[in-house]
Amino acid sequence: MSEQISLQEQLEKMRLDWDARARENARHYVDTSRRDWTDHEFFASGEKAIAEDILTDMGNVCQGRDPAAMRVLEIGSGAGRLTRALSKLFGEVHAVDVSGEMVAQARAALADCSNVHLYQNNGYDLSVLPPLEFDFAYSAIVFQHISSREIIENYVREVHRLLRPGALFKFQVQGDARVETLPGDTWLGVPFTDHQATAMAYRCGFEPRYRHGAGDQYFWLWFFKSSAAAAR
């Protein structure tokens, strides 16, 4: 069995590995379906993903609010594939990524998006963000690369801290229990069962209202922030 590594070692390895992937071929590692993305094709794929994940779910996402007046949070901007699509739909987008190389590429690609704010965070919390309240939070194809439940749950707790009461955090985790995750792995993330995902929601102060894809790689979770002031 591989030796355990400390939290700080895990976070440093995440940063270094994703910086290396970004330098090699950022867009491929964001979406591995191809290696030779053009600008148009890369960002069109992001538009398609947002159409499928968000435009089909606007009742839960917006809850009657005008999307142009909403402030949203994205965990894991990568090279900005989904961030650009989010910026066309919502009034203000704040996105974080552990990789400074990814953030730099996203910042260059999205220089024309005045409503996008990009930050390199520490891979564990959202302390880099200004003290703002968010109307919606979203993360796709990010937590499935994190091999530590502690890190993922802390992200969920941090999103709870920043969301307005009643708002939705829609995100995806690894749901395939056959995945064998080694300590320090930054590609194959730790899997969650339906029970584990539900328990995490309640521990972090969320209501796990919907779930889809348990047992699959793309296990989607709809966590609504409880109206209660404090997490359970």
C-alpha atoms as a PDB file:
ATOM      1  CA  MET A   1       0.000   0.000   0.000  1.00  0.00           C
ATOM      2  CA  SER A   2       1.254   3.476  -0.839  1.00  0.00           C
ATOM      3  CA  GLU A   3       2.225   5.710   2.027  1.00  0.00           C
ATOM      4  CA  GLN A   4      -0.173   8.449   3.066  1.00  0.00           C
ATOM      5  CA  ILE A   5       0.858  12.002   2.356  1.00  0.00           C
ATOM      6  CA  SER A   6       0.092  15.130   4.303  1.00  0.00           C
ATOM      7  CA  LEU A   7      -2.543  17.618   3.271  1.00  0.00           C
ATOM      8  CA  GLN A   8       0.094  20.186   2.339  1.00  0.00           C
ATOM      9  CA  GLU A   9       1.972  17.633   0.239  1.00  0.00           C
ATOM     10  CA  GLN A  10      -1.270  16.735  -1.538  1.00  0.00           C
ATOM     11  CA  LEU A  11      -2.085  20.378  -2.296  1.00  0.00           C
ATOM     12  CA  GLU A  12       1.425  21.072  -3.563  1.00  0.00           C
ATOM     13  CA  LYS A  13       1.300  17.991  -5.789  1.00  0.00           C
ATOM     14  CA  MET A  14      -2.061  19.108  -7.194  1.00  0.00           C
ATOM     15  CA  ARG A  15      -0.622  22.499  -8.079  1.00  0.00           C
ATOM     16  CA  LEU A  16       2.560  21.111  -9.620  1.00  0.00           C
ATOM     17  CA  ASP A  17       0.826  18.361 -11.597  1.00  0.00           C
ATOM     18  CA  TRP A  18      -1.819  20.676 -13.037  1.00  0.00           C
ATOM     19  CA  ASP A  19       0.755  23.327 -13.844  1.00  0.00           C
ATOM     20  CA  ALA A  20       2.703  20.670 -15.768  1.00  0.00           C
ATOM     21  CA  ARG A  21      -0.426  19.516 -17.600  1.00  0.00           C
ATOM     22  CA  ALA A  22      -1.275  23.104 -18.485  1.00  0.00           C
ATOM     23  CA  ARG A  23       2.198  23.696 -19.910  1.00  0.00           C
ATOM     24  CA  GLU A  24       2.028  20.465 -21.923  1.00  0.00           C
ATOM     25  CA  ASN A  25      -1.485  20.897 -23.362  1.00  0.00           C
ATOM     26  CA  ALA A  26      -3.975  22.698 -21.130  1.00  0.00           C
ATOM     27  CA  ARG A  27      -6.988  22.264 -23.359  1.00  0.00           C
ATOM     28  CA  HIS A  28      -6.439  18.532 -23.796  1.00  0.00           C
ATOM     29  CA  TYR A  29      -6.295  17.968 -20.047  1.00  0.00           C
ATOM     30  CA  VAL A  30      -9.431  20.077 -19.552  1.00  0.00           C
ATOM     31  CA  ASP A  31     -11.273  17.959 -22.146  1.00  0.00           C
ATOM     32  CA  THR A  32      -9.360  14.858 -23.187  1.00  0.00           C
ATOM     33  CA  SER A  33     -11.641  14.061 -26.143  1.00  0.00           C
ATOM     34  CA  ARG A  34      -8.997  15.608 -28.405  1.00  0.00           C
ATOM     35  CA  ARG A  35      -5.490  17.075 -28.336  1.00  0.00           C
ATOM     36  CA  ASP A  36      -5.703  19.727 -31.065  1.00  0.00           C
ATOM     37  CA  TRP A  37      -8.461  22.091 -29.955  1.00  0.00           C
ATOM     38  CA  THR A  38      -8.987  25.284 -31.928  1.00  0.00           C
ATOM     39  CA  ASP A  39     -10.279  28.310 -30.048  1.00  0.00           C
ATOM     40  CA  HIS A  40     -13.694  28.005 -31.667  1.00  0.00           C
ATOM     41  CA  GLU A  41     -14.041  24.270 -31.013  1.00  0.00           C
ATOM     42  CA  PHE A  42     -12.797  24.485 -27.436  1.00  0.00           C
ATOM     43  CA  PHE A  43     -15.175  27.228 -26.354  1.00  0.00           C
ATOM     44  CA  ALA A  44     -18.047  25.778 -28.394  1.00  0.00           C
ATOM     45  CA  SER A  45     -17.668  22.587 -26.347  1.00  0.00           C
ATOM     46  CA  GLY A  46     -18.033  24.703 -23.218  1.00  0.00           C
ATOM     47  CA  GLU A  47     -21.201  26.299 -24.584  1.00  0.00           C
ATOM     48  CA  LYS A  48     -22.605  22.815 -25.228  1.00  0.00           C
ATOM     49  CA  ALA A  49     -21.799  21.658 -21.693  1.00  0.00           C
ATOM     50  CA  ILE A  50     -23.410  24.708 -20.100  1.00  0.00           C
ATOM     51  CA  ALA A  51     -26.468  24.276 -22.314  1.00  0.00           C
ATOM     52  CA  GLU A  52     -26.799  20.699 -21.055  1.00  0.00           C
ATOM     53  CA  ASP A  53     -25.961  21.317 -17.391  1.00  0.00           C
ATOM     54  CA  ILE A  54     -27.518  24.721 -16.742  1.00  0.00           C
ATOM     55  CA  LEU A  55     -29.900  25.871 -19.469  1.00  0.00           C
ATOM     56  CA  THR A  56     -31.952  22.700 -18.934  1.00  0.00           C
ATOM     57  CA  ASP A  57     -32.070  23.416 -15.189  1.00  0.00           C
ATOM     58  CA  MET A  58     -32.753  27.143 -14.913  1.00  0.00           C
ATOM     59  CA  GLY A  59     -35.544  26.721 -12.378  1.00  0.00           C
ATOM     60  CA  ASN A  60     -33.170  25.240  -9.818  1.00  0.00           C
ATOM     61  CA  VAL A  61     -30.252  27.457 -10.828  1.00  0.00           C
ATOM     62  CA  CYS A  62     -31.975  30.849 -10.952  1.00  0.00           C
ATOM     63  CA  GLN A  63     -35.035  30.296  -8.744  1.00  0.00           C
ATOM     64  CA  GLY A  64     -36.857  33.138 -10.462  1.00  0.00           C
ATOM     65  CA  ARG A  65     -33.876  35.506 -10.584  1.00  0.00           C
ATOM     66  CA  ASP A  66     -32.655  37.211 -13.721  1.00  0.00           C
ATOM     67  CA  PRO A  67     -29.412  35.386 -14.660  1.00  0.00           C
ATOM     68  CA  ALA A  68     -27.949  38.689 -15.863  1.00  0.00           C
ATOM     69  CA  ALA A  69     -28.221  39.934 -12.272  1.00  0.00           C
ATOM     70  CA  MET A  70     -26.684  36.826 -10.680  1.00  0.00           C
ATOM     71  CA  ARG A  71     -23.187  36.414  -9.257  1.00  0.00           C
ATOM     72  CA  VAL A  72     -21.894  32.867  -9.765  1.00  0.00           C
ATOM     73  CA  LEU A  73     -18.909  30.865  -8.559  1.00  0.00           C
ATOM     74  CA  GLU A  74     -17.047  28.232 -10.558  1.00  0.00           C
ATOM     75  CA  ILE A  75     -14.682  25.762  -8.895  1.00  0.00           C
ATOM     76  CA  GLY A  76     -11.952  24.736 -11.339  1.00  0.00           C
ATOM     77  CA  SER A  77     -11.753  27.204 -14.204  1.00  0.00           C
ATOM     78  CA  GLY A  78      -9.059  25.292 -16.054  1.00  0.00           C
ATOM     79  CA  ALA A  79      -8.303  27.122 -19.301  1.00  0.00           C
ATOM     80  CA  GLY A  80     -11.672  28.914 -19.212  1.00  0.00           C
ATOM     81  CA  ARG A  81     -13.739  26.515 -21.346  1.00  0.00           C
ATOM     82  CA  LEU A  82     -16.864  26.669 -19.156  1.00  0.00           C
ATOM     83  CA  THR A  83     -16.059  30.063 -17.669  1.00  0.00           C
ATOM     84  CA  ARG A  84     -16.585  31.826 -20.982  1.00  0.00           C
ATOM     85  CA  ALA A  85     -19.959  30.151 -21.464  1.00  0.00           C
ATOM     86  CA  LEU A  86     -20.974  31.073 -17.911  1.00  0.00           C
ATOM     87  CA  SER A  87     -20.001  34.690 -18.547  1.00  0.00           C
ATOM     88  CA  LYS A  88     -22.424  34.899 -21.474  1.00  0.00           C
ATOM     89  CA  LEU A  89     -25.288  33.728 -19.287  1.00  0.00           C
ATOM     90  CA  PHE A  90     -24.688  35.342 -15.889  1.00  0.00           C
ATOM     91  CA  GLY A  91     -23.964  38.883 -14.789  1.00  0.00           C
ATOM     92  CA  GLU A  92     -20.791  38.147 -12.845  1.00  0.00           C
ATOM     93  CA  VAL A  93     -18.545  35.067 -12.748  1.00  0.00           C
ATOM     94  CA  HIS A  94     -15.813  34.357 -10.202  1.00  0.00           C
ATOM     95  CA  ALA A  95     -13.699  31.271 -10.952  1.00  0.00           C
ATOM     96  CA  VAL A  96     -10.824  29.639  -9.069  1.00  0.00           C
ATOM     97  CA  ASP A  97      -8.196  27.072 -10.013  1.00  0.00           C
ATOM     98  CA  VAL A  98      -5.265  25.538  -8.140  1.00  0.00           C
ATOM     99  CA  SER A  99      -3.001  25.901 -11.175  1.00  0.00           C
ATOM    100  CA  GLY A 100      -1.446  29.283 -11.827  1.00  0.00           C
ATOM    101  CA  GLU A 101      -0.628  28.106 -15.358  1.00  0.00           C
ATOM    102  CA  MET A 102      -4.286  27.299 -16.031  1.00  0.00           C
ATOM    103  CA  VAL A 103      -5.409  30.624 -14.588  1.00  0.00           C
ATOM    104  CA  ALA A 104      -2.899  32.487 -16.777  1.00  0.00           C
ATOM    105  CA  GLN A 105      -4.189  30.750 -19.904  1.00  0.00           C
ATOM    106  CA  ALA A 106      -7.802  31.379 -18.925  1.00  0.00           C
ATOM    107  CA  ARG A 107      -7.056  35.025 -18.194  1.00  0.00           C
ATOM    108  CA  ALA A 108      -5.476  35.502 -21.636  1.00  0.00           C
ATOM    109  CA  ALA A 109      -8.313  33.700 -23.425  1.00  0.00           C
ATOM    110  CA  LEU A 110     -11.040  35.580 -21.539  1.00  0.00           C
ATOM    111  CA  ALA A 111      -9.494  39.054 -21.646  1.00  0.00           C
ATOM    112  CA  ASP A 112     -12.569  40.274 -23.501  1.00  0.00           C
ATOM    113  CA  CYS A 113     -14.928  39.075 -20.744  1.00  0.00           C
ATOM    114  CA  SER A 114     -15.174  42.040 -18.388  1.00  0.00           C
ATOM    115  CA  ASN A 115     -17.550  40.232 -16.021  1.00  0.00           C
ATOM    116  CA  VAL A 116     -15.107  37.366 -15.321  1.00  0.00           C
ATOM    117  CA  HIS A 117     -12.810  37.354 -12.269  1.00  0.00           C
ATOM    118  CA  LEU A 118     -10.148  34.637 -12.099  1.00  0.00           C
ATOM    119  CA  TYR A 119      -8.137  33.581  -9.049  1.00  0.00           C
ATOM    120  CA  GLN A 120      -5.457  31.032  -8.261  1.00  0.00           C
ATOM    121  CA  ASN A 121      -6.498  29.422  -4.984  1.00  0.00           C
ATOM    122  CA  ASN A 122      -4.686  26.988  -2.712  1.00  0.00           C
ATOM    123  CA  GLY A 123      -6.634  23.899  -3.813  1.00  0.00           C
ATOM    124  CA  TYR A 124      -8.385  23.573  -0.457  1.00  0.00           C
ATOM    125  CA  ASP A 125     -10.480  26.630   0.359  1.00  0.00           C
ATOM    126  CA  LEU A 126     -11.900  29.819  -1.134  1.00  0.00           C
ATOM    127  CA  SER A 127     -10.154  32.345   1.084  1.00  0.00           C
ATOM    128  CA  VAL A 128      -8.697  34.020  -2.032  1.00  0.00           C
ATOM    129  CA  LEU A 129     -12.158  35.317  -2.968  1.00  0.00           C
ATOM    130  CA  PRO A 130     -13.409  38.708  -1.797  1.00  0.00           C
ATOM    131  CA  PRO A 131     -16.194  38.675   0.838  1.00  0.00           C
ATOM    132  CA  LEU A 132     -19.090  38.357  -1.609  1.00  0.00           C
ATOM    133  CA  GLU A 133     -22.366  36.459  -1.557  1.00  0.00           C
ATOM    134  CA  PHE A 134     -23.061  34.171  -4.518  1.00  0.00           C
ATOM    135  CA  ASP A 135     -26.357  33.180  -6.126  1.00  0.00           C
ATOM    136  CA  PHE A 136     -25.173  29.912  -7.664  1.00  0.00           C
ATOM    137  CA  ALA A 137     -22.067  27.704  -7.598  1.00  0.00           C
ATOM    138  CA  TYR A 138     -20.989  25.141 -10.176  1.00  0.00           C
ATOM    139  CA  SER A 139     -18.178  22.665 -10.735  1.00  0.00           C
ATOM    140  CA  ALA A 140     -17.739  20.074 -13.489  1.00  0.00           C
ATOM    141  CA  ILE A 141     -14.972  17.537 -14.142  1.00  0.00           C
ATOM    142  CA  VAL A 142     -12.935  18.862 -11.207  1.00  0.00           C
ATOM    143  CA  PHE A 143     -13.615  16.879  -8.043  1.00  0.00           C
ATOM    144  CA  GLN A 144     -13.286  13.635 -10.010  1.00  0.00           C
ATOM    145  CA  HIS A 145      -9.535  14.429 -10.084  1.00  0.00           C
ATOM    146  CA  ILE A 146      -9.150  14.934  -6.314  1.00  0.00           C
ATOM    147  CA  SER A 147      -8.149  11.858  -4.313  1.00  0.00           C
ATOM    148  CA  SER A 148      -8.912  13.330  -0.870  1.00  0.00           C
ATOM    149  CA  ARG A 149     -12.413  13.398   0.616  1.00  0.00           C
ATOM    150  CA  GLU A 150     -11.147  15.938   3.137  1.00  0.00           C
ATOM    151  CA  ILE A 151     -10.278  18.395   0.355  1.00  0.00           C
ATOM    152  CA  ILE A 152     -13.553  17.880  -1.506  1.00  0.00           C
ATOM    153  CA  GLU A 153     -15.643  18.255   1.630  1.00  0.00           C
ATOM    154  CA  ASN A 154     -13.806  21.412   2.624  1.00  0.00           C
ATOM    155  CA  TYR A 155     -14.615  22.891  -0.780  1.00  0.00           C
ATOM    156  CA  VAL A 156     -18.273  22.026  -0.225  1.00  0.00           C
ATOM    157  CA  ARG A 157     -18.178  23.671   3.203  1.00  0.00           C
ATOM    158  CA  GLU A 158     -16.526  26.763   1.725  1.00  0.00           C
ATOM    159  CA  VAL A 159     -19.161  27.031  -0.998  1.00  0.00           C
ATOM    160  CA  HIS A 160     -21.815  26.873   1.718  1.00  0.00           C
ATOM    161  CA  ARG A 161     -20.116  29.800   3.435  1.00  0.00           C
ATOM    162  CA  LEU A 162     -20.328  31.945   0.303  1.00  0.00           C
ATOM    163  CA  LEU A 163     -23.767  31.066  -1.099  1.00  0.00           C
ATOM    164  CA  ARG A 164     -26.886  33.019  -0.227  1.00  0.00           C
ATOM    165  CA  PRO A 165     -29.486  30.994   1.726  1.00  0.00           C
ATOM    166  CA  GLY A 166     -31.471  28.701  -0.545  1.00  0.00           C
ATOM    167  CA  ALA A 167     -28.965  28.888  -3.417  1.00  0.00           C
ATOM    168  CA  LEU A 168     -27.780  25.847  -5.354  1.00  0.00           C
ATOM    169  CA  PHE A 169     -24.342  24.268  -5.609  1.00  0.00           C
ATOM    170  CA  LYS A 170     -24.479  21.934  -8.623  1.00  0.00           C
ATOM    171  CA  PHE A 171     -21.391  19.796  -9.041  1.00  0.00           C
ATOM    172  CA  GLN A 172     -20.050  16.447 -10.115  1.00  0.00           C
ATOM    173  CA  VAL A 173     -17.925  13.890  -8.269  1.00  0.00           C
ATOM    174  CA  GLN A 174     -16.534  10.474  -9.133  1.00  0.00           C
ATOM    175  CA  GLY A 175     -19.255   7.912  -8.520  1.00  0.00           C
ATOM    176  CA  ASP A 176     -17.618   4.747  -9.826  1.00  0.00           C
ATOM    177  CA  ALA A 177     -16.688   2.695  -6.760  1.00  0.00           C
ATOM    178  CA  ARG A 178     -14.409   0.500  -8.880  1.00  0.00           C
ATOM    179  CA  VAL A 179     -11.920   3.364  -9.162  1.00  0.00           C
ATOM    180  CA  GLU A 180      -8.831   2.712  -7.039  1.00  0.00           C
ATOM    181  CA  THR A 181      -7.425   6.013  -5.851  1.00  0.00           C
ATOM    182  CA  LEU A 182      -3.913   6.228  -4.476  1.00  0.00           C
ATOM    183  CA  PRO A 183      -2.811   8.871  -1.966  1.00  0.00           C
ATOM    184  CA  GLY A 184      -1.542  11.886  -3.857  1.00  0.00           C
ATOM    185  CA  ASP A 185      -3.173  10.922  -7.163  1.00  0.00           C
ATOM    186  CA  THR A 186      -4.218  14.054  -9.056  1.00  0.00           C
ATOM    187  CA  TRP A 187      -6.022  12.355 -11.921  1.00  0.00           C
ATOM    188  CA  LEU A 188      -8.268   9.620 -10.493  1.00  0.00           C
ATOM    189  CA  GLY A 189     -10.420  11.114  -7.764  1.00  0.00           C
ATOM    190  CA  VAL A 190     -11.940   9.381  -4.765  1.00  0.00           C
ATOM    191  CA  PRO A 191     -15.394   7.907  -5.476  1.00  0.00           C
ATOM    192  CA  PHE A 192     -18.552   8.727  -3.529  1.00  0.00           C
ATOM    193  CA  THR A 193     -21.530   6.481  -2.957  1.00  0.00           C
ATOM    194  CA  ASP A 194     -25.002   7.973  -2.774  1.00  0.00           C
ATOM    195  CA  HIS A 195     -24.903   7.603   1.012  1.00  0.00           C
ATOM    196  CA  GLN A 196     -21.502   9.288   1.306  1.00  0.00           C
ATOM    197  CA  ALA A 197     -22.602  12.203  -0.871  1.00  0.00           C
ATOM    198  CA  THR A 198     -25.796  12.675   1.123  1.00  0.00           C
ATOM    199  CA  ALA A 199     -23.990  12.553   4.446  1.00  0.00           C
ATOM    200  CA  MET A 200     -21.468  15.139   3.211  1.00  0.00           C
ATOM    201  CA  ALA A 201     -24.310  17.459   2.202  1.00  0.00           C
ATOM    202  CA  TYR A 202     -25.869  17.403   5.648  1.00  0.00           C
ATOM    203  CA  ARG A 203     -22.526  17.822   7.422  1.00  0.00           C
ATOM    204  CA  CYS A 204     -21.897  20.962   5.361  1.00  0.00           C
ATOM    205  CA  GLY A 205     -25.346  22.496   5.853  1.00  0.00           C
ATOM    206  CA  PHE A 206     -26.859  21.578   2.493  1.00  0.00           C
ATOM    207  CA  GLU A 207     -30.060  19.835   1.477  1.00  0.00           C
ATOM    208  CA  PRO A 208     -29.157  17.134  -1.109  1.00  0.00           C
ATOM    209  CA  ARG A 209     -32.371  17.556  -3.070  1.00  0.00           C
ATOM    210  CA  TYR A 210     -31.423  15.706  -6.263  1.00  0.00           C
ATOM    211  CA  ARG A 211     -28.728  13.283  -7.359  1.00  0.00           C
ATOM    212  CA  HIS A 212     -28.059  11.668 -10.733  1.00  0.00           C
ATOM    213  CA  GLY A 213     -25.501   9.115 -11.889  1.00  0.00           C
ATOM    214  CA  ALA A 214     -24.636   7.282  -8.670  1.00  0.00           C
ATOM    215  CA  GLY A 215     -22.228   4.501  -9.576  1.00  0.00           C
ATOM    216  CA  ASP A 216     -21.007   6.314 -12.694  1.00  0.00           C
ATOM    217  CA  GLN A 217     -18.009   8.537 -13.368  1.00  0.00           C
ATOM    218  CA  TYR A 218     -20.279  11.569 -13.649  1.00  0.00           C
ATOM    219  CA  PHE A 219     -22.233  11.602 -10.385  1.00  0.00           C
ATOM    220  CA  TRP A 220     -24.130  14.899 -10.292  1.00  0.00           C
ATOM    221  CA  LEU A 221     -25.262  16.473  -7.047  1.00  0.00           C
ATOM    222  CA  TRP A 222     -27.741  19.278  -6.399  1.00  0.00           C
ATOM    223  CA  PHE A 223     -26.958  20.737  -2.959  1.00  0.00           C
ATOM    224  CA  PHE A 224     -29.227  23.575  -1.821  1.00  0.00           C
ATOM    225  CA  LYS A 225     -27.998  25.766   0.993  1.00  0.00           C
ATOM    226  CA  SER A 226     -30.157  25.416   4.057  1.00  0.00           C
ATOM    227  CA  SER A 227     -31.855  28.538   5.374  1.00  0.00           C
ATOM    228  CA  ALA A 228     -30.289  27.753   8.752  1.00  0.00           C
ATOM    229  CA  ALA A 229     -27.448  30.092   9.650  1.00  0.00           C
ATOM    230  CA  ALA A 230     -24.979  27.394  10.585  1.00  0.00           C
ATOM    231  CA  ALA A 231     -23.991  24.057   9.093  1.00  0.00           C
ATOM    232  CA  ARG A 232     -25.056  20.955  10.980  1.00  0.00           C
END
